[in-house]
C-alpha atoms as a PDB file:
ATOM      1  CA  ASP A   1     -14.500  11.195 -21.612  1.00  0.00           C
ATOM      2  CA  ASP A   2     -17.772   9.800 -22.923  1.00  0.00           C
ATOM      3  CA  GLY A   3     -17.235  11.327 -26.365  1.00  0.00           C
ATOM      4  CA  PRO A   4     -20.059  12.689 -28.497  1.00  0.00           C
ATOM      5  CA  VAL A   5     -23.580  11.450 -27.942  1.00  0.00           C
ATOM      6  CA  ARG A   6     -24.558   9.037 -30.668  1.00  0.00           C
ATOM      7  CA  PRO A   7     -28.076   7.830 -31.446  1.00  0.00           C
ATOM      8  CA  ASP A   8     -27.116   4.267 -30.497  1.00  0.00           C
ATOM      9  CA  ARG A   9     -25.975   5.282 -26.982  1.00  0.00           C
ATOM     10  CA  ARG A  10     -28.195   5.860 -24.007  1.00  0.00           C
ATOM     11  CA  PRO A  11     -27.676   9.029 -22.000  1.00  0.00           C
ATOM     12  CA  ASP A  12     -25.524   8.701 -18.911  1.00  0.00           C
ATOM     13  CA  ARG A  13     -27.730   7.817 -15.910  1.00  0.00           C
ATOM     14  CA  GLY A  14     -26.026  10.496 -13.802  1.00  0.00           C
ATOM     15  CA  ARG A  15     -27.317  13.255 -16.057  1.00  0.00           C
ATOM     16  CA  SER A  16     -30.928  14.316 -16.034  1.00  0.00           C
ATOM     17  CA  THR A  17     -32.592  14.398 -19.411  1.00  0.00           C
ATOM     18  CA  ARG A  18     -35.923  15.545 -17.992  1.00  0.00           C
ATOM     19  CA  ARG A  19     -37.073  18.989 -18.983  1.00  0.00           C
ATOM     20  CA  ARG A  20     -38.290  21.440 -16.418  1.00  0.00           C
ATOM     21  CA  PRO A  21     -42.064  21.769 -16.505  1.00  0.00           C
ATOM     22  CA  ALA A  22     -43.438  24.677 -18.512  1.00  0.00           C
ATOM     23  CA  ALA A  23     -43.825  27.899 -16.549  1.00  0.00           C
ATOM     24  CA  ALA A  24     -47.225  28.376 -14.925  1.00  0.00           C
ATOM     25  CA  ARG A  25     -49.374  31.069 -16.486  1.00  0.00           C
ATOM     26  CA  LEU A  26     -49.852  34.269 -14.497  1.00  0.00           C
ATOM     27  CA  GLU A  27     -52.525  36.786 -15.436  1.00  0.00           C
ATOM     28  CA  LEU A  28     -51.534  40.449 -15.699  1.00  0.00           C
ATOM     29  CA  THR A  29     -53.598  43.594 -16.150  1.00  0.00           C
ATOM     30  CA  ALA A  30     -52.080  47.019 -16.734  1.00  0.00           C
ATOM     31  CA  ARG A  31     -53.860  50.307 -17.173  1.00  0.00           C
ATOM     32  CA  ARG A  32     -52.753  53.882 -17.603  1.00  0.00           C
ATOM     33  CA  LEU A  33     -53.888  56.029 -14.676  1.00  0.00           C
ATOM     34  CA  GLU A  34     -52.616  59.420 -15.681  1.00  0.00           C
ATOM     35  CA  ASP A  35     -49.939  60.831 -17.956  1.00  0.00           C
ATOM     36  CA  ARG A  36     -47.019  58.755 -16.604  1.00  0.00           C
ATOM     37  CA  ALA A  37     -48.556  56.334 -14.067  1.00  0.00           C
ATOM     38  CA  VAL A  38     -49.501  52.718 -14.789  1.00  0.00           C
ATOM     39  CA  ALA A  39     -51.336  50.381 -12.380  1.00  0.00           C
ATOM     40  CA  LEU A  40     -50.384  46.698 -12.608  1.00  0.00           C
ATOM     41  CA  ARG A  41     -52.090  43.714 -10.965  1.00  0.00           C
ATOM     42  CA  TRP A  42     -51.252  40.022 -11.387  1.00  0.00           C
ATOM     43  CA  SER A  43     -52.428  36.619 -10.207  1.00  0.00           C
ATOM     44  CA  MET A  44     -50.638  34.745  -7.433  1.00  0.00           C
ATOM     45  CA  TYR A  45     -48.118  32.021  -8.256  1.00  0.00           C
ATOM     46  CA  GLN A  46     -49.186  28.873  -6.389  1.00  0.00           C
ATOM     47  CA  GLY A  47     -46.059  26.689  -6.683  1.00  0.00           C
ATOM     48  CA  GLY A  48     -43.903  25.724  -3.713  1.00  0.00           C
ATOM     49  CA  ASP A  49     -40.720  26.837  -5.487  1.00  0.00           C
ATOM     50  CA  PHE A  50     -41.590  30.572  -5.352  1.00  0.00           C
ATOM     51  CA  HIS A  51     -38.791  32.949  -4.419  1.00  0.00           C
ATOM     52  CA  ARG A  52     -39.815  36.313  -5.895  1.00  0.00           C
ATOM     53  CA  TYR A  53     -41.818  38.215  -8.485  1.00  0.00           C
ATOM     54  CA  ALA A  54     -40.185  40.502 -11.027  1.00  0.00           C
ATOM     55  CA  VAL A  55     -42.086  43.034 -13.130  1.00  0.00           C
ATOM     56  CA  LEU A  56     -40.358  43.623 -16.461  1.00  0.00           C
ATOM     57  CA  ARG A  57     -40.954  46.863 -18.354  1.00  0.00           C
ATOM     58  CA  THR A  58     -40.107  47.366 -22.029  1.00  0.00           C
ATOM     59  CA  LEU A  59     -39.971  50.984 -23.208  1.00  0.00           C
ATOM     60  CA  ARG A  60     -39.705  52.340 -26.703  1.00  0.00           C
ATOM     61  CA  GLU A  61     -38.605  55.953 -26.501  1.00  0.00           C
ATOM     62  CA  PRO A  62     -40.052  58.331 -29.119  1.00  0.00           C
ATOM     63  CA  ASP A  63     -36.599  59.418 -30.338  1.00  0.00           C
ATOM     64  CA  SER A  64     -35.219  55.865 -30.593  1.00  0.00           C
ATOM     65  CA  SER A  65     -35.747  52.949 -32.933  1.00  0.00           C
ATOM     66  CA  GLY A  66     -34.841  50.433 -30.221  1.00  0.00           C
ATOM     67  CA  ALA A  67     -36.507  49.279 -27.044  1.00  0.00           C
ATOM     68  CA  THR A  68     -35.084  48.682 -23.585  1.00  0.00           C
ATOM     69  CA  THR A  69     -36.265  46.126 -21.046  1.00  0.00           C
ATOM     70  CA  ALA A  70     -35.558  46.540 -17.347  1.00  0.00           C
ATOM     71  CA  VAL A  71     -36.795  45.226 -14.029  1.00  0.00           C
ATOM     72  CA  ALA A  72     -39.295  47.804 -12.775  1.00  0.00           C
ATOM     73  CA  PHE A  73     -40.129  46.070  -9.473  1.00  0.00           C
ATOM     74  CA  THR A  74     -39.338  42.947  -7.439  1.00  0.00           C
ATOM     75  CA  THR A  75     -40.722  41.466  -4.250  1.00  0.00           C
ATOM     76  CA  GLN A  76     -40.184  38.270  -2.286  1.00  0.00           C
ATOM     77  CA  ASP A  77     -43.646  38.602  -0.746  1.00  0.00           C
ATOM     78  CA  ARG A  78     -45.914  36.139  -2.569  1.00  0.00           C
ATOM     79  CA  THR A  79     -49.002  38.124  -1.507  1.00  0.00           C
ATOM     80  CA  VAL A  80     -47.917  41.412  -3.122  1.00  0.00           C
ATOM     81  CA  LEU A  81     -49.858  41.287  -6.381  1.00  0.00           C
ATOM     82  CA  SER A  82     -49.819  44.890  -7.565  1.00  0.00           C
ATOM     83  CA  PHE A  83     -47.447  47.715  -8.402  1.00  0.00           C
ATOM     84  CA  ARG A  84     -47.836  51.314  -9.539  1.00  0.00           C
ATOM     85  CA  ASP A  85     -45.201  52.311 -12.062  1.00  0.00           C
ATOM     86  CA  LEU A  86     -44.160  55.848 -12.902  1.00  0.00           C
ATOM     87  CA  LEU A  87     -42.830  56.040 -16.434  1.00  0.00           C
ATOM     88  CA  PRO A  88     -39.929  58.255 -17.473  1.00  0.00           C
ATOM     89  CA  GLU A  89     -40.906  61.598 -18.999  1.00  0.00           C
ATOM     90  CA  GLY A  90     -41.854  61.294 -22.675  1.00  0.00           C
ATOM     91  CA  SER A  91     -42.505  57.538 -22.595  1.00  0.00           C
ATOM     92  CA  ARG A  92     -45.117  56.527 -25.141  1.00  0.00           C
ATOM     93  CA  GLU A  93     -44.971  52.812 -25.923  1.00  0.00           C
ATOM     94  CA  VAL A  94     -44.665  50.512 -22.924  1.00  0.00           C
ATOM     95  CA  ALA A  95     -45.232  46.798 -22.326  1.00  0.00           C
ATOM     96  CA  TYR A  96     -45.088  44.714 -19.146  1.00  0.00           C
ATOM     97  CA  ARG A  97     -44.644  41.110 -18.129  1.00  0.00           C
ATOM     98  CA  VAL A  98     -44.534  39.630 -14.627  1.00  0.00           C
ATOM     99  CA  VAL A  99     -42.529  36.514 -13.850  1.00  0.00           C
ATOM    100  CA  ALA A 100     -42.282  34.315 -10.767  1.00  0.00           C
ATOM    101  CA  LEU A 101     -38.742  33.112 -10.093  1.00  0.00           C
ATOM    102  CA  ASP A 102     -37.337  30.302  -7.973  1.00  0.00           C
ATOM    103  CA  ARG A 103     -34.195  30.606  -5.807  1.00  0.00           C
ATOM    104  CA  GLY A 104     -32.008  29.940  -8.863  1.00  0.00           C
ATOM    105  CA  ASP A 105     -33.712  32.817 -10.749  1.00  0.00           C
ATOM    106  CA  ARG A 106     -35.370  30.327 -13.097  1.00  0.00           C
ATOM    107  CA  VAL A 107     -38.772  31.379 -14.442  1.00  0.00           C
ATOM    108  CA  VAL A 108     -41.467  29.184 -12.873  1.00  0.00           C
ATOM    109  CA  GLY A 109     -44.434  31.406 -13.738  1.00  0.00           C
ATOM    110  CA  ALA A 110     -44.973  34.081 -16.375  1.00  0.00           C
ATOM    111  CA  SER A 111     -47.674  36.331 -17.745  1.00  0.00           C
ATOM    112  CA  PRO A 112     -48.210  37.191 -21.368  1.00  0.00           C
ATOM    113  CA  ILE A 113     -46.802  40.547 -22.465  1.00  0.00           C
ATOM    114  CA  VAL A 114     -49.339  43.343 -21.909  1.00  0.00           C
ATOM    115  CA  LYS A 115     -49.049  46.598 -23.868  1.00  0.00           C
ATOM    116  CA  VAL A 116     -50.331  49.844 -22.382  1.00  0.00           C
END
């Protein structure tokens, strides 16, 4: 056992102390098409560690004080850069974010949150 890390000790060489690079920025646009439909389009992730995109949707239901976030769409096709979402009946406040994930489901690219 190495014991607790103290300021006067160097980290063990077998352990990586490097941080993962910050996630690349993806651009996302979302617009309401009709009562319950939303069109989303995002920029392509360029990194070699791409595994899939996930579109996250956060809903605030009119009769609830809380919000729920769920995966609305996923694809492993790097060239699929759009999705049409159909919101549940009565949905009013909605926000989206798209993330690019690597094979370990680590975020390697992310858009800002976009409210519709």
